[in-house]
Amino acid sequence: MAEMTKKISEKTLRRSFRNWIYGNLTCFSQEHMQTFGYLFSMLPVVDELYDTDDEKVKALRTYTTFFNTEPQIGTMVVGLTAGLEEARANGEPVDDETINGIRAGLMGPLAGLGDSIVVGTFIPILLGIALGLAQGGSALGPVFYIVAWNALMYFGMKYAYKRGYELGGSAVEALVGPQSEALRNSIVMVGTIVIGAVAATWISIDTALVLPGLGPLSQVLWSSSQTVTAEALQGGSVTLNVFGSGIYPKLLNFVFVYLCWWLMTKKKVSATMVMLIMVIIAFVGVLIGFFNPGLSY
């Protein structure tokens, strides 16, 4: 007898969606952000798809990695992984790396899209209407905003979840096709590029060290300065070109990001302890003059 195909019930999909909409910020912290909210939303899905506790624990470990996005638009990612988890439970070759690659690759772009549409456009429009209705002390303004926002948010997120779940099923067809390996590698690569771009864009580490005759070390090696001035051997002054944006732009960023990655993945140091180590390095670096925070007392 052929094995029965596992299918997520509508009841479980509703529970998963409710868990996300009400709990996406569960146990929110700088270390985890929406990780536990995501895990909470996947609990009913995993519980229904797998029979043994060992299988459930193994599946849930996939969703313990860091996740953070705009909650409304980002609901699509949760639905998408529910569809992928259903496929994996039915024996499709969908692994942790593929799921987390998709999550990492989508959470950044969807966060930017959601912040611009929901936070930057939609909410101000609703608030503008509500403020107009509230003139003269009318309670209609706040009532309108509360009702309109919650209704539109709920049904919009529900639609995004459903579309993500449906896409999850069709995405599996591409993931297991003839070009599946190249596609999976591309997905993982996109996720890696997104994380790398975040590190290069949002982290700013500089040094106060000065090289005799060349100037600040940060300018010579990795600053955004176009040129630096060096003393020539003949005693004259020449302009040293450093490839437009430094010989090693963002080198310190890379060193510290790599150090954090090495501590957490190779040495199994917790993220909280890594942050404490970074604070200690910054403190000692300022004391010895390697870093200059630009503060005056």
Protein backbone atom coordinates (compact mmCIF):
# COMPACT_ATOMS: atom_id res chain seq x y z
CA MET A 1 0.00 0.00 0.00
CA ALA A 2 1.32 3.41 -0.97
CA GLU A 3 2.15 5.73 1.88
CA MET A 4 -0.52 8.34 2.52
CA THR A 5 0.48 11.86 1.56
CA LYS A 6 0.71 14.20 4.54
CA LYS A 7 -1.29 17.42 4.23
CA ILE A 8 -1.52 20.36 6.60
CA SER A 9 -5.14 20.82 7.62
CA GLU A 10 -6.91 24.16 7.36
CA LYS A 11 -7.29 24.17 11.15
CA THR A 12 -3.53 23.84 11.61
CA LEU A 13 -2.83 26.53 9.02
CA ARG A 14 -5.17 28.87 10.90
CA ARG A 15 -3.42 28.10 14.19
CA SER A 16 -0.02 28.69 12.62
CA PHE A 17 -1.19 32.02 11.18
CA ARG A 18 -2.71 33.11 14.50
CA ASN A 19 0.49 32.20 16.33
CA TRP A 20 2.44 34.45 13.97
CA ILE A 21 0.05 37.39 13.91
CA TYR A 22 -0.22 37.54 17.70
CA GLY A 23 3.21 36.23 18.64
CA ASN A 24 5.71 37.39 16.00
CA LEU A 25 7.46 39.51 18.65
CA THR A 26 7.39 36.76 21.30
CA CYS A 27 10.51 36.92 23.54
CA PHE A 28 11.86 39.71 21.31
CA SER A 29 15.49 40.64 22.00
CA GLN A 30 18.44 42.06 20.11
CA GLU A 31 19.91 38.55 19.98
CA HIS A 32 16.86 36.72 18.60
CA MET A 33 14.31 39.35 17.45
CA GLN A 34 11.51 37.37 15.71
CA THR A 35 13.13 33.93 15.97
CA PHE A 36 10.87 32.60 18.73
CA GLY A 37 7.78 34.14 17.15
CA TYR A 38 8.62 32.26 13.96
CA LEU A 39 9.22 29.06 15.93
CA PHE A 40 5.88 29.55 17.70
CA SER A 41 4.08 29.80 14.36
CA MET A 42 5.67 26.56 13.11
CA LEU A 43 4.80 24.53 16.22
CA PRO A 44 1.30 23.41 15.06
CA VAL A 45 2.61 22.64 11.55
CA VAL A 46 5.45 20.44 12.77
CA ASP A 47 3.23 18.82 15.42
CA GLU A 48 0.74 17.68 12.77
CA LEU A 49 3.23 16.58 10.10
CA TYR A 50 5.53 14.41 12.22
CA ASP A 51 4.71 11.43 14.42
CA THR A 52 7.61 11.06 16.86
CA ASP A 53 9.10 13.60 19.25
CA ASP A 54 12.56 13.12 17.73
CA GLU A 55 11.25 14.02 14.28
CA LYS A 56 9.49 17.10 15.65
CA VAL A 57 12.56 18.31 17.53
CA LYS A 58 14.74 17.83 14.45
CA ALA A 59 12.30 19.81 12.27
CA LEU A 60 11.90 22.63 14.81
CA ARG A 61 15.67 23.13 15.07
CA THR A 62 15.46 24.56 11.55
CA TYR A 63 13.57 27.57 12.89
CA THR A 64 15.90 28.43 15.78
CA THR A 65 18.17 30.50 13.52
CA PHE A 66 17.93 34.29 13.57
CA PHE A 67 14.98 35.85 11.78
CA ASN A 68 13.69 39.41 11.54
CA THR A 69 11.54 41.15 8.95
CA GLU A 70 8.54 43.47 8.62
CA PRO A 71 5.76 41.45 10.34
CA GLN A 72 2.92 42.14 7.89
CA ILE A 73 4.58 41.58 4.51
CA GLY A 74 6.94 39.03 6.06
CA THR A 75 3.99 36.74 6.82
CA MET A 76 4.48 35.34 3.33
CA VAL A 77 7.80 33.79 4.44
CA VAL A 78 6.06 31.89 7.25
CA GLY A 79 3.45 30.51 4.85
CA LEU A 80 6.15 29.61 2.35
CA THR A 81 8.13 27.57 4.87
CA ALA A 82 4.95 25.84 6.04
CA GLY A 83 4.56 24.60 2.46
CA LEU A 84 8.20 23.55 2.32
CA GLU A 85 7.88 21.74 5.66
CA GLU A 86 4.89 19.84 4.30
CA ALA A 87 6.94 18.77 1.30
CA ARG A 88 9.84 17.69 3.51
CA ALA A 89 7.51 15.60 5.68
CA ASN A 90 6.42 13.81 2.50
CA GLY A 91 9.97 12.82 1.65
CA GLU A 92 10.89 15.63 -0.74
CA PRO A 93 14.63 16.56 -0.64
CA VAL A 94 14.13 19.88 1.14
CA ASP A 95 16.81 20.36 3.79
CA ASP A 96 17.51 22.86 6.57
CA GLU A 97 19.99 24.76 4.42
CA THR A 98 17.41 25.33 1.69
CA ILE A 99 14.72 26.53 4.12
CA ASN A 100 17.06 28.84 6.01
CA GLY A 101 18.56 30.10 2.75
CA ILE A 102 15.09 31.11 1.59
CA ARG A 103 14.31 32.73 4.94
CA ALA A 104 17.56 34.71 4.98
CA GLY A 105 17.20 35.71 1.34
CA LEU A 106 13.64 36.99 1.72
CA MET A 107 13.59 38.59 5.15
CA GLY A 108 15.74 41.58 4.13
CA PRO A 109 14.00 42.55 0.87
CA LEU A 110 10.53 42.00 2.37
CA ALA A 111 11.50 44.10 5.40
CA GLY A 112 12.46 46.99 3.14
CA LEU A 113 9.29 46.58 1.08
CA GLY A 114 7.09 46.32 4.16
CA ASP A 115 8.69 49.29 5.91
CA SER A 116 8.21 51.52 2.88
CA ILE A 117 4.65 50.40 2.09
CA VAL A 118 3.18 49.69 5.54
CA VAL A 119 5.14 51.93 7.90
CA GLY A 120 6.16 54.68 5.48
CA THR A 121 2.96 54.97 3.44
CA PHE A 122 -0.05 53.02 4.66
CA ILE A 123 0.07 53.91 8.38
CA PRO A 124 0.60 57.67 7.75
CA ILE A 125 -2.42 57.68 5.38
CA LEU A 126 -4.62 56.00 8.01
CA LEU A 127 -3.32 58.37 10.70
CA GLY A 128 -4.01 61.38 8.47
CA ILE A 129 -7.61 60.28 7.99
CA ALA A 130 -7.96 59.53 11.71
CA LEU A 131 -6.57 62.93 12.73
CA GLY A 132 -9.05 64.64 10.43
CA LEU A 133 -11.91 62.67 11.96
CA ALA A 134 -10.65 63.44 15.48
CA GLN A 135 -10.89 67.23 15.09
CA GLY A 136 -12.96 68.82 17.79
CA GLY A 137 -12.27 65.98 20.20
CA SER A 138 -14.32 63.40 18.33
CA ALA A 139 -13.69 59.76 19.31
CA LEU A 140 -14.40 58.74 15.72
CA GLY A 141 -10.75 59.32 14.77
CA PRO A 142 -9.08 56.83 17.11
CA VAL A 143 -11.93 54.33 16.66
CA PHE A 144 -11.53 54.53 12.89
CA TYR A 145 -7.78 53.97 13.10
CA ILE A 146 -8.03 51.01 15.49
CA VAL A 147 -10.73 49.27 13.46
CA ALA A 148 -9.28 50.04 10.02
CA TRP A 149 -5.71 49.13 10.90
CA ASN A 150 -6.54 45.84 12.61
CA ALA A 151 -9.00 44.74 9.93
CA LEU A 152 -6.71 45.56 7.01
CA MET A 153 -3.68 44.15 8.80
CA TYR A 154 -5.43 40.87 9.66
CA PHE A 155 -6.86 40.15 6.22
CA GLY A 156 -3.74 41.38 4.44
CA MET A 157 -1.50 39.13 6.54
CA LYS A 158 -3.89 36.20 6.07
CA TYR A 159 -3.72 36.63 2.30
CA ALA A 160 0.08 36.84 2.39
CA TYR A 161 0.30 33.67 4.51
CA LYS A 162 -2.01 31.76 2.18
CA ARG A 163 -0.15 32.87 -0.93
CA GLY A 164 3.15 31.92 0.70
CA TYR A 165 1.85 28.46 1.57
CA GLU A 166 0.62 27.89 -1.98
CA LEU A 167 3.95 29.11 -3.35
CA GLY A 168 5.73 26.67 -1.03
CA GLY A 169 4.16 23.74 -2.83
CA SER A 170 5.04 25.04 -6.29
CA ALA A 171 8.52 26.05 -5.13
CA VAL A 172 9.23 22.43 -4.22
CA GLU A 173 8.74 21.40 -7.85
CA ALA A 174 11.62 23.68 -8.83
CA LEU A 175 13.73 22.64 -5.86
CA VAL A 176 13.65 18.95 -6.79
CA GLY A 177 13.82 19.32 -10.58
CA PRO A 178 16.81 18.79 -12.88
CA GLN A 179 18.32 22.14 -11.98
CA SER A 180 17.49 21.80 -8.27
CA GLU A 181 21.09 21.71 -7.03
CA ALA A 182 22.01 24.92 -8.87
CA LEU A 183 18.83 26.59 -7.62
CA ARG A 184 19.42 25.54 -4.02
CA ASN A 185 23.00 26.78 -4.19
CA SER A 186 21.74 30.07 -5.63
CA ILE A 187 19.22 30.44 -2.81
CA VAL A 188 21.89 29.86 -0.19
CA MET A 189 24.23 32.26 -2.00
CA VAL A 190 21.56 34.99 -2.06
CA GLY A 191 21.03 34.57 1.66
CA THR A 192 24.77 34.79 2.27
CA ILE A 193 25.06 37.93 0.10
CA VAL A 194 22.17 39.57 1.98
CA ILE A 195 23.81 38.92 5.35
CA GLY A 196 27.16 40.12 4.02
CA ALA A 197 25.62 43.29 2.63
CA VAL A 198 23.95 44.01 5.97
CA ALA A 199 27.30 43.63 7.73
CA ALA A 200 29.06 45.93 5.26
CA THR A 201 26.31 48.56 5.30
CA TRP A 202 25.22 48.78 8.92
CA ILE A 203 28.47 48.09 10.78
CA SER A 204 30.97 50.93 11.05
CA ILE A 205 34.32 50.18 12.69
CA ASP A 206 37.25 52.57 12.40
CA THR A 207 40.65 53.01 14.05
CA ALA A 208 42.51 56.00 15.40
CA LEU A 209 46.00 54.62 14.64
CA VAL A 210 48.30 56.85 12.58
CA LEU A 211 51.09 55.62 10.30
CA PRO A 212 54.15 57.92 10.41
CA GLY A 213 54.48 59.77 7.13
CA LEU A 214 51.21 58.36 5.75
CA GLY A 215 48.51 59.56 8.09
CA PRO A 216 45.62 57.74 9.70
CA LEU A 217 45.77 53.97 9.16
CA SER A 218 42.06 53.89 8.43
CA GLN A 219 42.54 56.28 5.52
CA VAL A 220 45.46 54.35 4.05
CA LEU A 221 43.83 50.92 4.20
CA TRP A 222 40.07 51.02 4.39
CA SER A 223 38.54 54.48 4.52
CA SER A 224 36.24 56.03 1.95
CA SER A 225 38.79 58.75 1.20
CA GLN A 226 39.86 58.97 -2.42
CA THR A 227 43.54 59.75 -1.76
CA VAL A 228 46.06 60.05 1.07
CA THR A 229 49.17 62.20 1.22
CA ALA A 230 52.57 60.54 1.85
CA GLU A 231 56.06 61.98 2.33
CA ALA A 232 58.28 60.92 -0.57
CA LEU A 233 61.83 59.76 0.06
CA GLN A 234 63.12 62.89 -1.68
CA GLY A 235 61.40 64.98 0.96
CA GLY A 236 58.61 66.07 -1.33
CA SER A 237 54.90 65.48 -0.97
CA VAL A 238 53.12 63.04 -3.26
CA THR A 239 49.57 61.82 -3.51
CA LEU A 240 49.15 58.08 -2.97
CA ASN A 241 46.13 56.61 -4.76
CA VAL A 242 44.42 53.89 -2.73
CA PHE A 243 42.11 52.45 -5.38
CA GLY A 244 39.37 55.00 -4.90
CA SER A 245 37.92 53.66 -1.66
CA GLY A 246 40.88 52.22 0.19
CA ILE A 247 43.05 49.15 -0.35
CA TYR A 248 40.88 47.07 1.97
CA PRO A 249 37.50 48.82 2.31
CA LYS A 250 35.46 47.59 5.29
CA LEU A 251 38.36 45.37 6.40
CA LEU A 252 37.69 45.92 10.11
CA ASN A 253 34.01 45.18 9.54
CA PHE A 254 34.95 41.85 7.98
CA VAL A 255 37.41 40.99 10.76
CA PHE A 256 34.90 41.57 13.53
CA VAL A 257 32.00 39.88 11.72
CA TYR A 258 34.22 36.88 10.99
CA LEU A 259 35.33 36.81 14.63
CA CYS A 260 31.71 36.79 15.81
CA TRP A 261 30.84 34.03 13.33
CA TRP A 262 33.86 31.96 14.41
CA LEU A 263 33.02 32.30 18.10
CA MET A 264 29.35 31.33 17.64
CA THR A 265 29.75 28.52 15.08
CA LYS A 266 33.13 27.00 15.87
CA LYS A 267 33.41 27.68 19.60
CA LYS A 268 29.66 27.53 20.36
CA VAL A 269 29.74 30.85 22.24
CA SER A 270 26.30 32.37 22.84
CA ALA A 271 25.36 35.60 21.06
CA THR A 272 25.01 37.36 24.41
CA MET A 273 28.56 36.39 25.38
CA VAL A 274 29.83 37.50 21.95
CA MET A 275 28.24 40.93 22.47
CA LEU A 276 29.97 41.14 25.87
CA ILE A 277 33.29 40.26 24.23
CA MET A 278 32.73 43.03 21.65
CA VAL A 279 32.09 45.53 24.47
CA ILE A 280 35.32 44.49 26.19
CA ILE A 281 37.30 44.77 22.92
CA ALA A 282 35.83 48.24 22.31
CA PHE A 283 36.62 49.34 25.88
CA VAL A 284 40.22 48.12 25.74
CA GLY A 285 40.64 49.51 22.21
CA VAL A 286 39.66 53.00 23.37
CA LEU A 287 42.00 52.76 26.38
CA ILE A 288 45.04 51.88 24.24
CA GLY A 289 44.13 54.39 21.52
CA PHE A 290 43.20 51.91 18.77
CA PHE A 291 39.63 53.22 18.63
CA ASN A 292 38.58 56.86 18.90
CA PRO A 293 34.90 57.28 19.76
CA GLY A 294 35.19 61.06 19.29
CA LEU A 295 33.86 61.80 22.77
CA SER A 296 34.94 64.70 24.95
CA TYR A 297 34.52 65.03 28.71
